[in-house]
Amino acid sequence: MSSDEFMTIPRVLLVEDEARTRESIEEGLRLEGWKVTAAADGEEAQRCLDGGRFDLIVLDWMLPRSGGIEILRTLRGRGQTTPVLMLTARGAQLR
């Protein structure tokens, strides 16, 4: 067996409701060798999480049908420690 047969492809769940942003991030992750599962809202994300294992979750803060923070709280409440990268388009005012 070659060493490639022992390598696993990392899996990422990408949750982003804005289609262009989701498609752009998805393309970049695939080019870097990730297996991407994409979801457009919180309910879809929850179904993906209930049915699979991921090495990373890229999670939009504000989503329709269950926000990113709610999804993260649910994950952590279940004891899941999958790394999560939160995305937001919310502006911040620096003082």
N, C-alpha and C. Protein backbone atom coordinates (compact mmCIF):
# COMPACT_ATOMS: atom_id res chain seq x y z
N MET A 1 0.83 -1.18 0.00
CA MET A 1 0.00 0.00 0.00
C MET A 1 0.87 1.24 0.00
N SER A 2 0.43 2.23 -0.74
CA SER A 2 1.18 3.49 -0.77
C SER A 2 0.81 4.33 0.44
N SER A 3 1.64 5.30 0.75
CA SER A 3 1.36 6.17 1.89
C SER A 3 0.10 6.99 1.66
N ASP A 4 -0.27 7.24 0.40
CA ASP A 4 -1.49 8.00 0.08
C ASP A 4 -2.74 7.27 0.54
N GLU A 5 -2.69 5.95 0.57
CA GLU A 5 -3.86 5.18 0.97
C GLU A 5 -4.15 5.31 2.45
N PHE A 6 -3.17 5.74 3.24
CA PHE A 6 -3.36 5.91 4.66
C PHE A 6 -3.79 7.33 5.02
N MET A 7 -3.69 8.23 4.09
CA MET A 7 -4.05 9.62 4.35
C MET A 7 -5.56 9.78 4.27
N THR A 8 -6.10 10.53 5.21
CA THR A 8 -7.52 10.82 5.17
C THR A 8 -7.72 12.25 4.72
N ILE A 9 -8.77 12.46 3.99
CA ILE A 9 -9.09 13.80 3.52
C ILE A 9 -9.83 14.51 4.64
N PRO A 10 -9.35 15.69 5.07
CA PRO A 10 -10.04 16.40 6.14
C PRO A 10 -11.41 16.88 5.68
N ARG A 11 -12.37 16.78 6.60
CA ARG A 11 -13.75 17.15 6.30
C ARG A 11 -14.11 18.44 7.02
N VAL A 12 -14.76 19.32 6.29
CA VAL A 12 -15.19 20.60 6.86
C VAL A 12 -16.67 20.81 6.57
N LEU A 13 -17.38 21.31 7.57
CA LEU A 13 -18.75 21.76 7.37
C LEU A 13 -18.71 23.27 7.23
N LEU A 14 -19.17 23.76 6.11
CA LEU A 14 -19.21 25.19 5.83
C LEU A 14 -20.67 25.63 5.92
N VAL A 15 -20.96 26.55 6.83
CA VAL A 15 -22.33 27.03 7.03
C VAL A 15 -22.34 28.54 6.78
N GLU A 16 -22.93 28.93 5.66
CA GLU A 16 -22.97 30.34 5.22
C GLU A 16 -24.22 30.54 4.39
N ASP A 17 -25.03 31.53 4.75
CA ASP A 17 -26.29 31.72 4.02
C ASP A 17 -26.13 32.53 2.74
N GLU A 18 -25.09 33.32 2.62
CA GLU A 18 -24.88 34.13 1.42
C GLU A 18 -24.21 33.26 0.36
N ALA A 19 -24.92 32.99 -0.72
CA ALA A 19 -24.49 32.01 -1.72
C ALA A 19 -23.11 32.31 -2.32
N ARG A 20 -22.86 33.54 -2.69
CA ARG A 20 -21.57 33.85 -3.32
C ARG A 20 -20.41 33.64 -2.36
N THR A 21 -20.60 34.04 -1.12
CA THR A 21 -19.56 33.84 -0.12
C THR A 21 -19.33 32.36 0.13
N ARG A 22 -20.42 31.61 0.29
CA ARG A 22 -20.34 30.16 0.52
C ARG A 22 -19.60 29.47 -0.63
N GLU A 23 -19.97 29.80 -1.86
CA GLU A 23 -19.35 29.16 -3.03
C GLU A 23 -17.87 29.51 -3.13
N SER A 24 -17.52 30.73 -2.81
CA SER A 24 -16.12 31.15 -2.87
C SER A 24 -15.27 30.43 -1.82
N ILE A 25 -15.76 30.37 -0.60
CA ILE A 25 -15.03 29.67 0.46
C ILE A 25 -14.94 28.18 0.14
N GLU A 26 -16.04 27.62 -0.32
CA GLU A 26 -16.08 26.20 -0.67
C GLU A 26 -15.04 25.87 -1.74
N GLU A 27 -14.96 26.69 -2.76
CA GLU A 27 -13.98 26.45 -3.82
C GLU A 27 -12.55 26.50 -3.27
N GLY A 28 -12.27 27.49 -2.45
CA GLY A 28 -10.93 27.60 -1.87
C GLY A 28 -10.56 26.40 -1.01
N LEU A 29 -11.50 25.96 -0.19
CA LEU A 29 -11.24 24.79 0.66
C LEU A 29 -11.02 23.54 -0.17
N ARG A 30 -11.81 23.35 -1.20
CA ARG A 30 -11.65 22.18 -2.08
C ARG A 30 -10.28 22.21 -2.77
N LEU A 31 -9.87 23.38 -3.21
CA LEU A 31 -8.56 23.50 -3.85
C LEU A 31 -7.43 23.15 -2.90
N GLU A 32 -7.66 23.34 -1.61
CA GLU A 32 -6.65 23.01 -0.60
C GLU A 32 -6.75 21.57 -0.12
N GLY A 33 -7.69 20.79 -0.71
CA GLY A 33 -7.77 19.37 -0.41
C GLY A 33 -8.80 18.97 0.62
N TRP A 34 -9.65 19.89 1.04
CA TRP A 34 -10.69 19.57 2.01
C TRP A 34 -11.90 18.96 1.32
N LYS A 35 -12.58 18.05 2.01
CA LYS A 35 -13.88 17.56 1.57
C LYS A 35 -14.92 18.46 2.25
N VAL A 36 -15.67 19.20 1.44
CA VAL A 36 -16.56 20.23 1.96
C VAL A 36 -18.02 19.77 1.90
N THR A 37 -18.70 19.93 3.02
CA THR A 37 -20.15 19.81 3.07
C THR A 37 -20.66 21.22 3.36
N ALA A 38 -21.54 21.72 2.50
CA ALA A 38 -22.01 23.10 2.65
C ALA A 38 -23.48 23.12 3.07
N ALA A 39 -23.81 24.08 3.93
CA ALA A 39 -25.18 24.29 4.39
C ALA A 39 -25.48 25.78 4.31
N ALA A 40 -26.75 26.10 4.00
CA ALA A 40 -27.14 27.49 3.80
C ALA A 40 -27.91 28.09 4.98
N ASP A 41 -28.29 27.28 5.95
CA ASP A 41 -29.00 27.82 7.12
C ASP A 41 -28.77 26.91 8.32
N GLY A 42 -29.26 27.35 9.47
CA GLY A 42 -29.02 26.62 10.70
C GLY A 42 -29.64 25.25 10.75
N GLU A 43 -30.84 25.09 10.21
CA GLU A 43 -31.48 23.77 10.22
C GLU A 43 -30.72 22.77 9.36
N GLU A 44 -30.29 23.22 8.20
CA GLU A 44 -29.50 22.35 7.32
C GLU A 44 -28.18 21.97 7.99
N ALA A 45 -27.56 22.94 8.64
CA ALA A 45 -26.31 22.68 9.36
C ALA A 45 -26.52 21.63 10.44
N GLN A 46 -27.62 21.74 11.18
CA GLN A 46 -27.88 20.79 12.25
C GLN A 46 -28.07 19.39 11.71
N ARG A 47 -28.75 19.26 10.58
CA ARG A 47 -28.92 17.93 9.95
C ARG A 47 -27.56 17.35 9.56
N CYS A 48 -26.69 18.20 9.02
CA CYS A 48 -25.35 17.73 8.64
C CYS A 48 -24.56 17.27 9.87
N LEU A 49 -24.66 18.03 10.94
CA LEU A 49 -23.94 17.69 12.17
C LEU A 49 -24.49 16.43 12.81
N ASP A 50 -25.78 16.22 12.70
CA ASP A 50 -26.39 15.01 13.26
C ASP A 50 -25.98 13.77 12.47
N GLY A 51 -25.63 13.96 11.19
CA GLY A 51 -25.34 12.81 10.33
C GLY A 51 -23.89 12.61 9.98
N GLY A 52 -22.98 13.40 10.52
CA GLY A 52 -21.60 13.23 10.10
C GLY A 52 -20.59 13.75 11.09
N ARG A 53 -19.33 13.45 10.81
CA ARG A 53 -18.21 13.90 11.62
C ARG A 53 -17.37 14.86 10.78
N PHE A 54 -16.93 15.94 11.40
CA PHE A 54 -16.15 16.94 10.69
C PHE A 54 -14.89 17.26 11.48
N ASP A 55 -13.85 17.62 10.75
CA ASP A 55 -12.59 18.02 11.37
C ASP A 55 -12.57 19.51 11.70
N LEU A 56 -13.44 20.25 11.02
CA LEU A 56 -13.53 21.70 11.20
C LEU A 56 -14.93 22.14 10.80
N ILE A 57 -15.42 23.17 11.49
CA ILE A 57 -16.69 23.79 11.11
C ILE A 57 -16.42 25.27 10.88
N VAL A 58 -16.80 25.75 9.71
CA VAL A 58 -16.74 27.18 9.39
C VAL A 58 -18.19 27.65 9.47
N LEU A 59 -18.48 28.53 10.44
CA LEU A 59 -19.86 28.81 10.83
C LEU A 59 -20.14 30.31 10.81
N ASP A 60 -21.12 30.70 10.02
CA ASP A 60 -21.55 32.10 9.97
C ASP A 60 -22.25 32.44 11.28
N TRP A 61 -22.00 33.61 11.80
CA TRP A 61 -22.57 34.07 13.06
C TRP A 61 -24.08 34.24 12.94
N MET A 62 -24.51 34.91 11.88
CA MET A 62 -25.94 35.21 11.71
C MET A 62 -26.49 34.38 10.55
N LEU A 63 -27.39 33.46 10.89
CA LEU A 63 -27.97 32.54 9.91
C LEU A 63 -29.49 32.54 10.05
N PRO A 64 -30.18 32.26 8.96
CA PRO A 64 -31.62 32.01 9.10
C PRO A 64 -31.83 30.63 9.75
N ARG A 65 -32.94 30.49 10.44
CA ARG A 65 -33.33 29.20 11.05
C ARG A 65 -32.28 28.65 12.00
N SER A 66 -31.97 29.34 13.01
CA SER A 66 -31.01 28.94 14.03
C SER A 66 -29.65 29.56 13.73
N GLY A 67 -29.25 30.49 14.55
CA GLY A 67 -28.00 31.22 14.33
C GLY A 67 -26.76 30.41 14.69
N GLY A 68 -25.62 30.93 14.27
CA GLY A 68 -24.35 30.25 14.50
C GLY A 68 -24.03 30.04 15.97
N ILE A 69 -24.33 31.04 16.80
CA ILE A 69 -24.06 30.91 18.23
C ILE A 69 -24.92 29.79 18.83
N GLU A 70 -26.17 29.72 18.43
CA GLU A 70 -27.05 28.65 18.92
C GLU A 70 -26.52 27.27 18.52
N ILE A 71 -26.07 27.16 17.29
CA ILE A 71 -25.51 25.89 16.81
C ILE A 71 -24.26 25.53 17.61
N LEU A 72 -23.40 26.51 17.85
CA LEU A 72 -22.18 26.27 18.61
C LEU A 72 -22.50 25.86 20.05
N ARG A 73 -23.45 26.52 20.68
CA ARG A 73 -23.85 26.15 22.04
C ARG A 73 -24.36 24.71 22.09
N THR A 74 -25.16 24.33 21.09
CA THR A 74 -25.67 22.96 21.03
C THR A 74 -24.53 21.97 20.90
N LEU A 75 -23.57 22.26 20.01
CA LEU A 75 -22.42 21.38 19.83
C LEU A 75 -21.65 21.19 21.13
N ARG A 76 -21.32 22.30 21.75
CA ARG A 76 -20.52 22.23 22.98
C ARG A 76 -21.31 21.57 24.11
N GLY A 77 -22.63 21.78 24.13
CA GLY A 77 -23.48 21.13 25.12
C GLY A 77 -23.48 19.62 24.98
N ARG A 78 -23.26 19.14 23.77
CA ARG A 78 -23.18 17.69 23.51
C ARG A 78 -21.78 17.15 23.77
N GLY A 79 -20.87 18.03 24.14
CA GLY A 79 -19.50 17.59 24.41
C GLY A 79 -18.63 17.52 23.17
N GLN A 80 -19.10 18.02 22.04
CA GLN A 80 -18.30 18.00 20.81
C GLN A 80 -17.27 19.13 20.86
N THR A 81 -16.04 18.79 20.55
CA THR A 81 -14.94 19.75 20.63
C THR A 81 -14.35 20.09 19.26
N THR A 82 -15.09 19.82 18.20
CA THR A 82 -14.63 20.14 16.85
C THR A 82 -14.26 21.62 16.78
N PRO A 83 -13.10 21.97 16.22
CA PRO A 83 -12.75 23.39 16.08
C PRO A 83 -13.77 24.10 15.20
N VAL A 84 -14.12 25.33 15.61
CA VAL A 84 -15.10 26.14 14.88
C VAL A 84 -14.49 27.50 14.57
N LEU A 85 -14.56 27.88 13.31
CA LEU A 85 -14.16 29.21 12.87
C LEU A 85 -15.43 29.99 12.60
N MET A 86 -15.66 31.07 13.35
CA MET A 86 -16.87 31.87 13.20
C MET A 86 -16.62 32.99 12.19
N LEU A 87 -17.60 33.16 11.29
CA LEU A 87 -17.57 34.24 10.31
C LEU A 87 -18.65 35.26 10.66
N THR A 88 -18.38 36.53 10.40
CA THR A 88 -19.41 37.54 10.58
C THR A 88 -19.19 38.70 9.62
N ALA A 89 -20.29 39.24 9.17
CA ALA A 89 -20.22 40.45 8.35
C ALA A 89 -20.57 41.67 9.19
N ARG A 90 -20.80 41.44 10.48
CA ARG A 90 -21.14 42.54 11.38
C ARG A 90 -19.94 43.46 11.51
N GLY A 91 -20.20 44.74 11.42
CA GLY A 91 -19.15 45.73 11.58
C GLY A 91 -18.87 45.97 13.05
N ALA A 92 -17.66 46.35 13.34
CA ALA A 92 -17.27 46.66 14.71
C ALA A 92 -16.69 48.06 14.72
N GLN A 93 -17.10 48.84 15.70
CA GLN A 93 -16.58 50.19 15.82
C GLN A 93 -15.43 50.17 16.84
N LEU A 94 -14.27 50.56 16.39
CA LEU A 94 -13.10 50.59 17.26
C LEU A 94 -13.04 51.94 17.96
N ARG A 95 -12.66 51.92 19.20
CA ARG A 95 -12.53 53.18 19.98
C ARG A 95 -11.10 53.41 20.33
